N, C-alpha and C. Protein backbone atom coordinates (compact mmCIF):
# COMPACT_ATOMS: atom_id res chain seq x y z
N MET A 1 109.62 5.50 -265.87
CA MET A 1 108.87 5.84 -267.02
C MET A 1 109.77 6.45 -268.11
N ASN A 2 109.83 5.86 -269.29
CA ASN A 2 110.70 6.40 -270.34
C ASN A 2 109.99 7.64 -271.04
N THR A 3 110.81 8.35 -271.85
CA THR A 3 110.30 9.58 -272.42
C THR A 3 109.13 9.23 -273.39
N THR A 4 109.26 8.23 -274.20
CA THR A 4 108.21 7.85 -275.12
C THR A 4 106.86 7.60 -274.38
N SER A 5 106.83 6.87 -273.27
CA SER A 5 105.67 6.59 -272.58
C SER A 5 105.07 7.85 -271.96
N ARG A 6 105.95 8.75 -271.44
CA ARG A 6 105.51 9.95 -270.88
C ARG A 6 104.84 10.81 -271.95
N ILE A 7 105.50 10.90 -273.20
CA ILE A 7 104.86 11.79 -274.19
C ILE A 7 103.53 11.23 -274.69
N LEU A 8 103.51 9.88 -274.86
CA LEU A 8 102.25 9.18 -275.25
C LEU A 8 101.15 9.38 -274.24
N GLY A 9 101.51 9.36 -272.99
CA GLY A 9 100.50 9.55 -271.87
C GLY A 9 100.01 10.97 -271.99
N GLU A 10 100.88 11.96 -272.14
CA GLU A 10 100.44 13.28 -272.27
C GLU A 10 99.49 13.51 -273.49
N ALA A 11 99.82 12.88 -274.56
CA ALA A 11 99.04 12.99 -275.76
C ALA A 11 97.64 12.44 -275.56
N LYS A 12 97.52 11.35 -274.84
CA LYS A 12 96.22 10.78 -274.68
C LYS A 12 95.33 11.68 -273.74
N ARG A 13 95.96 12.45 -272.85
CA ARG A 13 95.21 13.28 -271.97
C ARG A 13 94.74 14.58 -272.66
N LYS A 14 95.40 14.97 -273.75
CA LYS A 14 94.96 16.21 -274.41
C LYS A 14 93.64 16.01 -275.06
N VAL A 15 92.75 16.96 -274.96
CA VAL A 15 91.36 16.97 -275.53
C VAL A 15 91.45 18.00 -276.66
N ARG A 16 90.81 17.55 -277.69
CA ARG A 16 90.65 18.54 -278.83
C ARG A 16 89.69 19.61 -278.46
N PRO A 17 89.91 20.87 -278.98
CA PRO A 17 89.00 21.92 -278.72
C PRO A 17 87.61 21.60 -279.41
N PRO A 18 86.61 22.21 -278.84
CA PRO A 18 85.24 22.08 -279.50
C PRO A 18 85.16 22.69 -280.85
N THR A 19 84.37 22.09 -281.64
CA THR A 19 84.07 22.84 -282.94
C THR A 19 82.99 23.87 -282.77
N GLU A 20 82.83 24.63 -283.73
CA GLU A 20 81.84 25.70 -283.67
C GLU A 20 80.41 25.09 -283.51
N ILE A 21 80.17 24.01 -284.17
CA ILE A 21 78.80 23.44 -283.97
C ILE A 21 78.66 22.88 -282.55
N GLU A 22 79.76 22.29 -282.01
CA GLU A 22 79.64 21.82 -280.63
C GLU A 22 79.50 22.92 -279.56
N LEU A 23 79.71 24.12 -279.96
CA LEU A 23 79.47 25.31 -279.10
C LEU A 23 78.07 25.81 -279.27
N ARG A 24 77.45 25.48 -280.32
CA ARG A 24 76.14 26.15 -280.71
C ARG A 24 74.94 25.22 -280.67
N ASN A 25 75.14 23.97 -280.94
CA ASN A 25 74.05 22.92 -281.05
C ASN A 25 73.89 22.13 -279.73
N PRO A 26 72.75 22.07 -279.16
CA PRO A 26 72.60 21.39 -277.88
C PRO A 26 73.00 19.88 -277.94
N PHE A 27 72.57 19.21 -278.98
CA PHE A 27 73.00 17.77 -279.06
C PHE A 27 74.44 17.66 -279.24
N GLN A 28 75.11 18.43 -280.16
CA GLN A 28 76.52 18.34 -280.35
C GLN A 28 77.31 18.68 -279.14
N ALA A 29 76.81 19.67 -278.37
CA ALA A 29 77.45 20.11 -277.16
C ALA A 29 77.37 18.97 -276.06
N TYR A 30 76.20 18.33 -276.06
CA TYR A 30 76.10 17.19 -275.09
C TYR A 30 77.08 16.06 -275.44
N LYS A 31 77.04 15.80 -276.71
CA LYS A 31 77.93 14.68 -277.11
C LYS A 31 79.48 14.98 -276.88
N TYR A 32 79.83 16.22 -277.16
CA TYR A 32 81.26 16.61 -276.86
C TYR A 32 81.50 16.43 -275.37
N ALA A 33 80.61 16.93 -274.47
CA ALA A 33 80.83 16.86 -273.06
C ALA A 33 80.94 15.32 -272.66
N LYS A 34 80.02 14.56 -273.13
CA LYS A 34 79.92 13.11 -272.76
C LYS A 34 81.06 12.29 -273.35
N ASP A 35 81.29 12.44 -274.65
CA ASP A 35 82.23 11.55 -275.30
C ASP A 35 83.66 11.99 -275.34
N VAL A 36 83.80 13.38 -275.37
CA VAL A 36 85.18 13.92 -275.61
C VAL A 36 85.76 14.33 -274.25
N LEU A 37 84.98 15.30 -273.58
CA LEU A 37 85.46 15.82 -272.26
C LEU A 37 85.27 14.83 -271.12
N LYS A 38 84.26 13.91 -271.32
CA LYS A 38 83.85 13.06 -270.25
C LYS A 38 83.63 13.82 -268.96
N GLY A 39 82.99 15.00 -269.09
CA GLY A 39 82.76 15.78 -267.93
C GLY A 39 82.00 17.13 -268.38
N ARG A 40 81.83 17.91 -267.51
CA ARG A 40 81.10 19.24 -267.79
C ARG A 40 81.77 20.04 -268.88
N PHE A 41 80.89 20.83 -269.58
CA PHE A 41 81.32 21.59 -270.67
C PHE A 41 80.74 23.06 -270.44
N PRO A 42 81.36 23.77 -269.46
CA PRO A 42 80.71 25.06 -269.03
C PRO A 42 80.48 26.08 -270.17
N GLU A 43 81.32 26.08 -271.13
CA GLU A 43 81.16 27.04 -272.24
C GLU A 43 79.87 26.84 -273.08
N ALA A 44 79.37 25.64 -273.00
CA ALA A 44 78.13 25.35 -273.75
C ALA A 44 76.99 24.98 -272.90
N GLU A 45 76.94 25.19 -271.69
CA GLU A 45 75.92 24.74 -270.82
C GLU A 45 74.64 25.56 -271.04
N ALA A 46 74.80 26.87 -271.36
CA ALA A 46 73.56 27.65 -271.80
C ALA A 46 72.92 27.21 -273.03
N VAL A 47 73.71 26.71 -273.91
CA VAL A 47 73.23 26.07 -275.16
C VAL A 47 72.45 24.81 -274.87
N ILE A 48 73.09 23.98 -274.07
CA ILE A 48 72.51 22.63 -273.74
C ILE A 48 71.20 22.88 -273.02
N ALA A 49 71.08 23.88 -272.22
CA ALA A 49 69.92 24.11 -271.34
C ALA A 49 68.76 24.54 -272.27
N THR A 50 69.03 24.97 -273.52
CA THR A 50 67.83 25.38 -274.37
C THR A 50 67.02 24.22 -274.87
N SER A 51 67.53 23.01 -274.71
CA SER A 51 66.89 21.79 -275.15
C SER A 51 66.59 20.96 -273.94
N LEU A 52 65.30 20.80 -273.63
CA LEU A 52 65.00 20.07 -272.45
C LEU A 52 65.51 18.58 -272.44
N ASP A 53 65.36 17.96 -273.56
CA ASP A 53 65.83 16.62 -273.74
C ASP A 53 67.35 16.50 -273.46
N TRP A 54 68.15 17.34 -274.09
CA TRP A 54 69.59 17.26 -273.86
C TRP A 54 70.02 17.77 -272.49
N ALA A 55 69.30 18.67 -271.92
CA ALA A 55 69.54 19.26 -270.63
C ALA A 55 69.34 18.08 -269.62
N TYR A 56 68.33 17.31 -269.79
CA TYR A 56 67.98 16.17 -268.91
C TYR A 56 69.17 15.20 -268.98
N ARG A 57 69.50 14.81 -270.24
CA ARG A 57 70.66 13.91 -270.46
C ARG A 57 71.98 14.42 -269.92
N TYR A 58 72.18 15.67 -270.10
CA TYR A 58 73.42 16.27 -269.61
C TYR A 58 73.47 16.10 -268.05
N ALA A 59 72.44 16.47 -267.43
CA ALA A 59 72.34 16.27 -266.00
C ALA A 59 72.62 14.83 -265.57
N ARG A 60 71.87 13.92 -266.23
CA ARG A 60 71.98 12.47 -265.90
C ARG A 60 73.35 11.89 -266.23
N TYR A 61 73.77 12.06 -267.47
CA TYR A 61 74.97 11.28 -267.94
C TYR A 61 76.26 12.05 -267.85
N VAL A 62 76.30 13.39 -267.81
CA VAL A 62 77.48 14.09 -267.70
C VAL A 62 77.74 14.61 -266.28
N ILE A 63 76.78 15.32 -265.77
CA ILE A 63 76.92 15.86 -264.35
C ILE A 63 76.72 14.71 -263.37
N GLY A 64 75.88 13.85 -263.67
CA GLY A 64 75.62 12.76 -262.69
C GLY A 64 74.83 13.13 -261.51
N GLY A 65 74.02 14.19 -261.65
CA GLY A 65 73.15 14.72 -260.60
C GLY A 65 72.35 15.94 -261.02
N ARG A 66 71.82 16.60 -260.07
CA ARG A 66 70.96 17.70 -260.33
C ARG A 66 71.77 18.83 -260.98
N TRP A 67 70.94 19.50 -261.90
CA TRP A 67 71.54 20.70 -262.58
C TRP A 67 70.62 21.88 -262.34
N PRO A 68 70.82 22.49 -261.27
CA PRO A 68 69.84 23.63 -260.79
C PRO A 68 69.54 24.69 -261.87
N GLU A 69 70.62 25.00 -262.63
CA GLU A 69 70.44 26.00 -263.65
C GLU A 69 69.42 25.68 -264.76
N ALA A 70 69.16 24.41 -265.00
CA ALA A 70 68.27 23.93 -266.02
C ALA A 70 66.92 23.50 -265.50
N GLU A 71 66.84 23.37 -264.16
CA GLU A 71 65.64 22.77 -263.64
C GLU A 71 64.33 23.49 -264.00
N ALA A 72 64.33 24.80 -263.99
CA ALA A 72 63.05 25.57 -264.25
C ALA A 72 62.58 25.26 -265.63
N ALA A 73 63.47 25.08 -266.65
CA ALA A 73 63.11 24.78 -267.96
C ALA A 73 62.64 23.31 -268.02
N ILE A 74 63.37 22.42 -267.42
CA ILE A 74 63.02 20.94 -267.42
C ILE A 74 61.67 20.75 -266.76
N ALA A 75 61.34 21.51 -265.78
CA ALA A 75 60.08 21.36 -265.04
C ALA A 75 58.89 21.73 -265.85
N LYS A 76 59.07 22.39 -267.01
CA LYS A 76 57.87 22.77 -267.84
C LYS A 76 57.39 21.72 -268.73
N ASN A 77 58.10 20.56 -268.89
CA ASN A 77 57.69 19.44 -269.70
C ASN A 77 57.36 18.27 -268.86
N PRO A 78 56.14 17.73 -268.83
CA PRO A 78 55.75 16.67 -267.94
C PRO A 78 56.61 15.41 -268.06
N ASN A 79 56.87 15.00 -269.31
CA ASN A 79 57.57 13.79 -269.50
C ASN A 79 59.06 13.89 -269.17
N VAL A 80 59.71 15.01 -269.61
CA VAL A 80 61.12 15.23 -269.21
C VAL A 80 61.24 15.42 -267.68
N ALA A 81 60.35 16.17 -267.16
CA ALA A 81 60.42 16.38 -265.64
C ALA A 81 60.19 15.02 -264.89
N ARG A 82 59.37 14.14 -265.39
CA ARG A 82 59.17 12.77 -264.78
C ARG A 82 60.56 11.98 -264.89
N HIS A 83 61.14 11.97 -266.02
CA HIS A 83 62.44 11.23 -266.06
C HIS A 83 63.44 11.91 -265.24
N TYR A 84 63.50 13.28 -265.10
CA TYR A 84 64.50 13.90 -264.36
C TYR A 84 64.26 13.57 -262.90
N ALA A 85 62.99 13.56 -262.44
CA ALA A 85 62.70 13.19 -261.00
C ALA A 85 63.11 11.79 -260.70
N LYS A 86 62.87 10.84 -261.57
CA LYS A 86 63.20 9.45 -261.39
C LYS A 86 64.73 9.20 -261.44
N ASN A 87 65.27 9.61 -262.52
CA ASN A 87 66.67 9.20 -262.87
C ASN A 87 67.78 10.22 -262.39
N VAL A 88 67.46 11.41 -262.10
CA VAL A 88 68.47 12.42 -261.65
C VAL A 88 68.23 12.65 -260.17
N ILE A 89 67.11 13.05 -259.79
CA ILE A 89 66.79 13.37 -258.37
C ILE A 89 66.67 12.10 -257.57
N GLY A 90 66.13 11.08 -258.10
CA GLY A 90 65.91 9.83 -257.48
C GLY A 90 64.76 9.85 -256.55
N GLY A 91 63.84 10.70 -256.74
CA GLY A 91 62.64 10.72 -255.90
C GLY A 91 61.66 11.87 -256.37
N ARG A 92 60.78 12.21 -255.46
CA ARG A 92 59.81 13.22 -255.80
C ARG A 92 60.42 14.53 -256.09
N TRP A 93 59.75 15.34 -257.03
CA TRP A 93 60.21 16.68 -257.39
C TRP A 93 59.07 17.57 -257.27
N PRO A 94 58.76 18.08 -256.04
CA PRO A 94 57.53 18.92 -255.81
C PRO A 94 57.46 20.11 -256.75
N GLU A 95 58.61 20.75 -257.15
CA GLU A 95 58.52 21.86 -258.06
C GLU A 95 57.95 21.59 -259.36
N ALA A 96 57.98 20.33 -259.86
CA ALA A 96 57.51 19.90 -261.18
C ALA A 96 56.20 19.15 -261.10
N GLU A 97 55.72 18.85 -259.85
CA GLU A 97 54.57 17.95 -259.85
C GLU A 97 53.30 18.55 -260.39
N ALA A 98 53.10 19.82 -260.34
CA ALA A 98 51.90 20.32 -261.05
C ALA A 98 51.96 20.23 -262.53
N THR A 99 53.09 20.30 -263.08
CA THR A 99 53.15 20.04 -264.53
C THR A 99 53.11 18.59 -264.86
N ILE A 100 53.73 17.69 -264.11
CA ILE A 100 53.59 16.30 -264.37
C ILE A 100 52.20 15.83 -264.33
N ALA A 101 51.47 16.32 -263.32
CA ALA A 101 49.97 15.95 -263.00
C ALA A 101 49.17 16.32 -264.22
N THR A 102 49.51 17.10 -265.19
CA THR A 102 48.68 17.53 -266.30
C THR A 102 48.69 16.47 -267.47
N ASP A 103 49.63 15.65 -267.41
CA ASP A 103 49.72 14.65 -268.51
C ASP A 103 49.47 13.21 -268.03
N LYS A 104 48.44 12.57 -268.66
CA LYS A 104 48.01 11.31 -268.17
C LYS A 104 49.09 10.20 -268.12
N TYR A 105 49.92 10.12 -269.13
CA TYR A 105 50.98 9.07 -269.09
C TYR A 105 52.06 9.37 -268.09
N SER A 106 52.51 10.63 -268.09
CA SER A 106 53.59 11.04 -267.14
C SER A 106 53.10 10.93 -265.72
N ALA A 107 51.84 11.34 -265.41
CA ALA A 107 51.31 11.23 -264.15
C ALA A 107 51.24 9.71 -263.65
N CYS A 108 50.80 8.88 -264.49
CA CYS A 108 50.67 7.47 -264.22
C CYS A 108 52.13 6.87 -263.83
N MET A 109 53.06 7.20 -264.76
CA MET A 109 54.36 6.62 -264.48
C MET A 109 55.08 7.24 -263.36
N TYR A 110 54.81 8.56 -263.09
CA TYR A 110 55.35 9.20 -261.91
C TYR A 110 54.91 8.49 -260.63
N ALA A 111 53.59 8.26 -260.60
CA ALA A 111 52.92 7.54 -259.47
C ALA A 111 53.63 6.22 -259.24
N GLN A 112 53.79 5.50 -260.35
CA GLN A 112 54.27 4.11 -260.21
C GLN A 112 55.75 4.13 -259.92
N ASN A 113 56.61 4.88 -260.69
CA ASN A 113 57.98 4.71 -260.59
C ASN A 113 58.74 5.70 -259.71
N VAL A 114 58.08 6.83 -259.24
CA VAL A 114 58.65 7.75 -258.39
C VAL A 114 58.06 7.68 -256.99
N ILE A 115 56.74 7.84 -257.00
CA ILE A 115 56.03 7.77 -255.72
C ILE A 115 55.88 6.43 -255.17
N GLY A 116 55.58 5.54 -256.06
CA GLY A 116 55.47 4.09 -255.56
C GLY A 116 54.06 3.82 -255.06
N GLY A 117 53.13 4.49 -255.53
CA GLY A 117 51.73 4.29 -255.09
C GLY A 117 50.80 5.36 -255.56
N ARG A 118 49.68 5.43 -255.07
CA ARG A 118 48.68 6.43 -255.57
C ARG A 118 49.20 7.76 -255.46
N TRP A 119 48.70 8.63 -256.50
CA TRP A 119 49.10 9.99 -256.38
C TRP A 119 47.82 10.83 -256.84
N PRO A 120 47.09 11.26 -255.80
CA PRO A 120 45.75 11.93 -256.04
C PRO A 120 45.96 13.14 -256.95
N GLU A 121 47.07 13.87 -256.91
CA GLU A 121 47.21 15.07 -257.76
C GLU A 121 47.21 14.72 -259.26
N GLY A 122 47.62 13.48 -259.59
CA GLY A 122 47.69 13.12 -261.02
C GLY A 122 46.48 12.36 -261.44
N GLU A 123 45.56 11.94 -260.58
CA GLU A 123 44.50 11.03 -260.89
C GLU A 123 43.47 11.67 -261.86
N GLU A 124 43.31 13.01 -261.76
CA GLU A 124 42.32 13.66 -262.70
C GLU A 124 42.77 13.42 -264.17
N ALA A 125 44.01 13.62 -264.42
CA ALA A 125 44.35 13.43 -265.83
C ALA A 125 44.44 11.94 -266.21
N ILE A 126 44.88 11.08 -265.37
CA ILE A 126 44.90 9.64 -265.55
C ILE A 126 43.51 9.10 -265.83
N ALA A 127 42.51 9.57 -265.01
CA ALA A 127 41.17 9.04 -265.17
C ALA A 127 40.47 9.35 -266.45
N LYS A 128 40.98 10.31 -267.25
CA LYS A 128 40.35 10.65 -268.51
C LYS A 128 40.72 9.66 -269.68
N ASP A 129 41.68 8.78 -269.38
CA ASP A 129 42.14 7.93 -270.53
C ASP A 129 41.93 6.46 -270.12
N PRO A 130 41.08 5.72 -270.90
CA PRO A 130 40.82 4.29 -270.44
C PRO A 130 42.11 3.42 -270.22
N PHE A 131 43.09 3.57 -271.11
CA PHE A 131 44.29 2.78 -270.97
C PHE A 131 45.15 3.14 -269.79
N GLN A 132 45.24 4.41 -269.48
CA GLN A 132 46.05 4.79 -268.37
C GLN A 132 45.27 4.48 -267.07
N ALA A 133 43.98 4.62 -267.09
CA ALA A 133 43.20 4.45 -265.94
C ALA A 133 43.22 2.95 -265.52
N ASP A 134 43.14 2.14 -266.56
CA ASP A 134 43.15 0.62 -266.37
C ASP A 134 44.51 0.23 -265.86
N TYR A 135 45.59 0.80 -266.40
CA TYR A 135 46.97 0.47 -265.94
C TYR A 135 47.22 1.00 -264.49
N TYR A 136 46.74 2.13 -264.16
CA TYR A 136 46.89 2.74 -262.87
C TYR A 136 46.14 1.89 -261.87
N ALA A 137 44.95 1.51 -262.17
CA ALA A 137 44.24 0.62 -261.20
C ALA A 137 44.97 -0.69 -260.98
N ARG A 138 45.35 -1.42 -262.05
CA ARG A 138 46.04 -2.68 -261.86
C ARG A 138 47.44 -2.67 -261.35
N TYR A 139 48.18 -1.65 -261.73
CA TYR A 139 49.68 -1.69 -261.40
C TYR A 139 50.03 -0.64 -260.28
N VAL A 140 49.23 0.34 -260.11
CA VAL A 140 49.62 1.38 -258.99
C VAL A 140 48.71 1.19 -257.85
N ILE A 141 47.42 1.10 -258.09
CA ILE A 141 46.47 0.95 -256.97
C ILE A 141 46.57 -0.44 -256.50
N GLY A 142 46.61 -1.36 -257.45
CA GLY A 142 46.51 -2.82 -257.15
C GLY A 142 45.12 -3.26 -256.67
N GLY A 143 44.12 -2.53 -257.16
CA GLY A 143 42.81 -2.89 -256.93
C GLY A 143 41.82 -2.09 -257.76
N ARG A 144 40.63 -2.18 -257.60
CA ARG A 144 39.59 -1.53 -258.40
C ARG A 144 39.75 0.00 -258.17
N TRP A 145 39.35 0.67 -259.15
CA TRP A 145 39.38 2.18 -259.08
C TRP A 145 38.02 2.69 -259.59
N PRO A 146 37.06 2.62 -258.66
CA PRO A 146 35.65 2.96 -259.01
C PRO A 146 35.43 4.30 -259.65
N GLU A 147 36.30 5.33 -259.24
CA GLU A 147 36.15 6.68 -259.77
C GLU A 147 36.50 6.76 -261.31
N ALA A 148 37.25 5.78 -261.81
CA ALA A 148 37.67 5.79 -263.25
C ALA A 148 36.95 4.68 -264.05
N GLU A 149 36.17 3.89 -263.42
CA GLU A 149 35.61 2.72 -264.10
C GLU A 149 34.70 3.13 -265.24
N ALA A 150 33.97 4.25 -265.18
CA ALA A 150 33.20 4.67 -266.40
C ALA A 150 34.05 4.99 -267.59
N THR A 151 35.19 5.56 -267.42
CA THR A 151 36.14 5.80 -268.44
C THR A 151 36.81 4.45 -268.93
N ILE A 152 37.21 3.60 -268.08
CA ILE A 152 37.80 2.34 -268.39
C ILE A 152 36.79 1.54 -269.29
N ALA A 153 35.52 1.64 -268.97
CA ALA A 153 34.46 0.83 -269.69
C ALA A 153 34.22 1.37 -271.09
N THR A 154 34.88 2.49 -271.46
CA THR A 154 34.65 3.01 -272.89
C THR A 154 35.50 2.25 -273.97
N HIS A 155 36.40 1.44 -273.62
CA HIS A 155 37.16 0.82 -274.66
C HIS A 155 37.24 -0.71 -274.41
N GLU A 156 37.01 -1.42 -275.53
CA GLU A 156 36.85 -2.85 -275.42
C GLU A 156 38.13 -3.64 -274.83
N LEU A 157 39.31 -3.08 -275.14
CA LEU A 157 40.49 -3.80 -274.64
C LEU A 157 40.66 -3.47 -273.11
N THR A 158 40.32 -2.31 -272.61
CA THR A 158 40.50 -1.98 -271.26
C THR A 158 39.38 -2.67 -270.44
N VAL A 159 38.27 -2.82 -270.99
CA VAL A 159 37.16 -3.60 -270.37
C VAL A 159 37.57 -5.05 -270.11
N GLN A 160 38.20 -5.64 -271.14
CA GLN A 160 38.67 -7.02 -271.07
C GLN A 160 39.69 -7.15 -269.92
N SER A 161 40.68 -6.35 -269.97
CA SER A 161 41.82 -6.49 -269.04
C SER A 161 41.37 -6.18 -267.59
N TYR A 162 40.55 -5.12 -267.42
CA TYR A 162 40.19 -4.71 -266.13
C TYR A 162 39.22 -5.80 -265.43
N LEU A 163 38.30 -6.29 -266.27
CA LEU A 163 37.35 -7.32 -265.66
C LEU A 163 38.05 -8.62 -265.52
N LYS A 164 39.06 -8.93 -266.27
CA LYS A 164 39.82 -10.21 -266.01
C LYS A 164 40.56 -9.95 -264.70
N GLU A 165 41.05 -8.77 -264.42
CA GLU A 165 41.86 -8.63 -263.15
C GLU A 165 40.80 -8.47 -261.94
N PHE A 166 39.67 -7.88 -262.19
CA PHE A 166 38.67 -7.60 -261.17
C PHE A 166 37.35 -8.16 -261.58
N PRO A 167 37.21 -9.43 -261.56
CA PRO A 167 35.84 -10.09 -262.04
C PRO A 167 34.73 -9.66 -261.13
N GLU A 168 34.99 -9.34 -259.83
CA GLU A 168 33.93 -8.90 -258.99
C GLU A 168 33.24 -7.65 -259.37
N ALA A 169 33.85 -6.88 -260.35
CA ALA A 169 33.16 -5.67 -260.83
C ALA A 169 32.09 -5.96 -261.94
N LYS A 170 31.97 -7.18 -262.47
CA LYS A 170 31.13 -7.46 -263.61
C LYS A 170 29.68 -7.11 -263.26
N LEU A 171 29.15 -7.61 -262.19
CA LEU A 171 27.69 -7.34 -261.80
C LEU A 171 27.43 -5.83 -261.79
N GLU A 172 28.30 -5.07 -261.17
CA GLU A 172 28.06 -3.69 -261.02
C GLU A 172 28.19 -2.99 -262.43
N TRP A 173 29.07 -3.47 -263.18
CA TRP A 173 29.22 -2.87 -264.67
C TRP A 173 28.02 -3.30 -265.42
N ALA A 174 27.52 -4.49 -265.28
CA ALA A 174 26.23 -4.83 -265.98
C ALA A 174 25.08 -3.93 -265.56
N MET A 175 25.05 -3.66 -264.21
CA MET A 175 23.99 -2.83 -263.65
C MET A 175 24.04 -1.41 -264.16
N ASN A 176 25.31 -0.96 -264.50
CA ASN A 176 25.52 0.36 -264.96
C ASN A 176 25.37 0.44 -266.48
N GLY A 177 25.19 -0.76 -267.12
CA GLY A 177 24.99 -0.76 -268.55
C GLY A 177 26.32 -0.62 -269.33
N TRP A 178 27.37 -0.90 -268.72
CA TRP A 178 28.68 -0.85 -269.33
C TRP A 178 29.05 -2.06 -270.04
N ILE A 179 28.49 -3.31 -269.59
CA ILE A 179 28.58 -4.49 -270.31
C ILE A 179 27.27 -5.21 -270.35
N ASP A 180 27.11 -6.17 -271.23
CA ASP A 180 25.89 -6.89 -271.46
C ASP A 180 25.79 -7.88 -270.32
N TRP A 181 24.58 -8.11 -269.94
CA TRP A 181 24.19 -9.11 -268.86
C TRP A 181 24.75 -10.42 -269.19
N LEU A 182 24.73 -10.72 -270.54
CA LEU A 182 25.23 -12.00 -270.95
C LEU A 182 26.73 -12.29 -270.76
N ASP A 183 27.44 -11.11 -270.54
CA ASP A 183 28.94 -11.27 -270.27
C ASP A 183 29.24 -11.60 -268.89
N LEU A 184 28.25 -11.71 -267.96
CA LEU A 184 28.48 -12.08 -266.62
C LEU A 184 28.99 -13.53 -266.59
């Protein structure tokens, strides 16, 4: 290796120091770690941890795994916690499930994409929304969900999709007054 190649190689390995904003702003700190350092940025981890979104991304894309120091904060947001469980942990995250279960969309997606089936702890929130309940029945349960049918019957679009998927429910829905007898 000649001297020029050695010097150029050393220059390529040098990393510029972080700017003041990269030390204080969660997004800028994350970007510095990911794009400049291509690895952890210990001096700014406390700053990154103040933003749930950037803390999740830091764990996923920079650390490449769990970040225990930020998990308590991440677990407080149902949507971010769901993504963390799926994409960082790669499975269930019991410590965050109570939070995830409070949000209809996060609970539905957690059941489908993390648990891979029914999730009774999240069904209360899911059953309150006609769209999530319809989706949950069709794509998570894979069958009728009688406990949520009264909610599903409250919106014209969910009525159409649910009864198209489960036509055997039409007679019962008509008897309950949820659809007109002429729609049988």
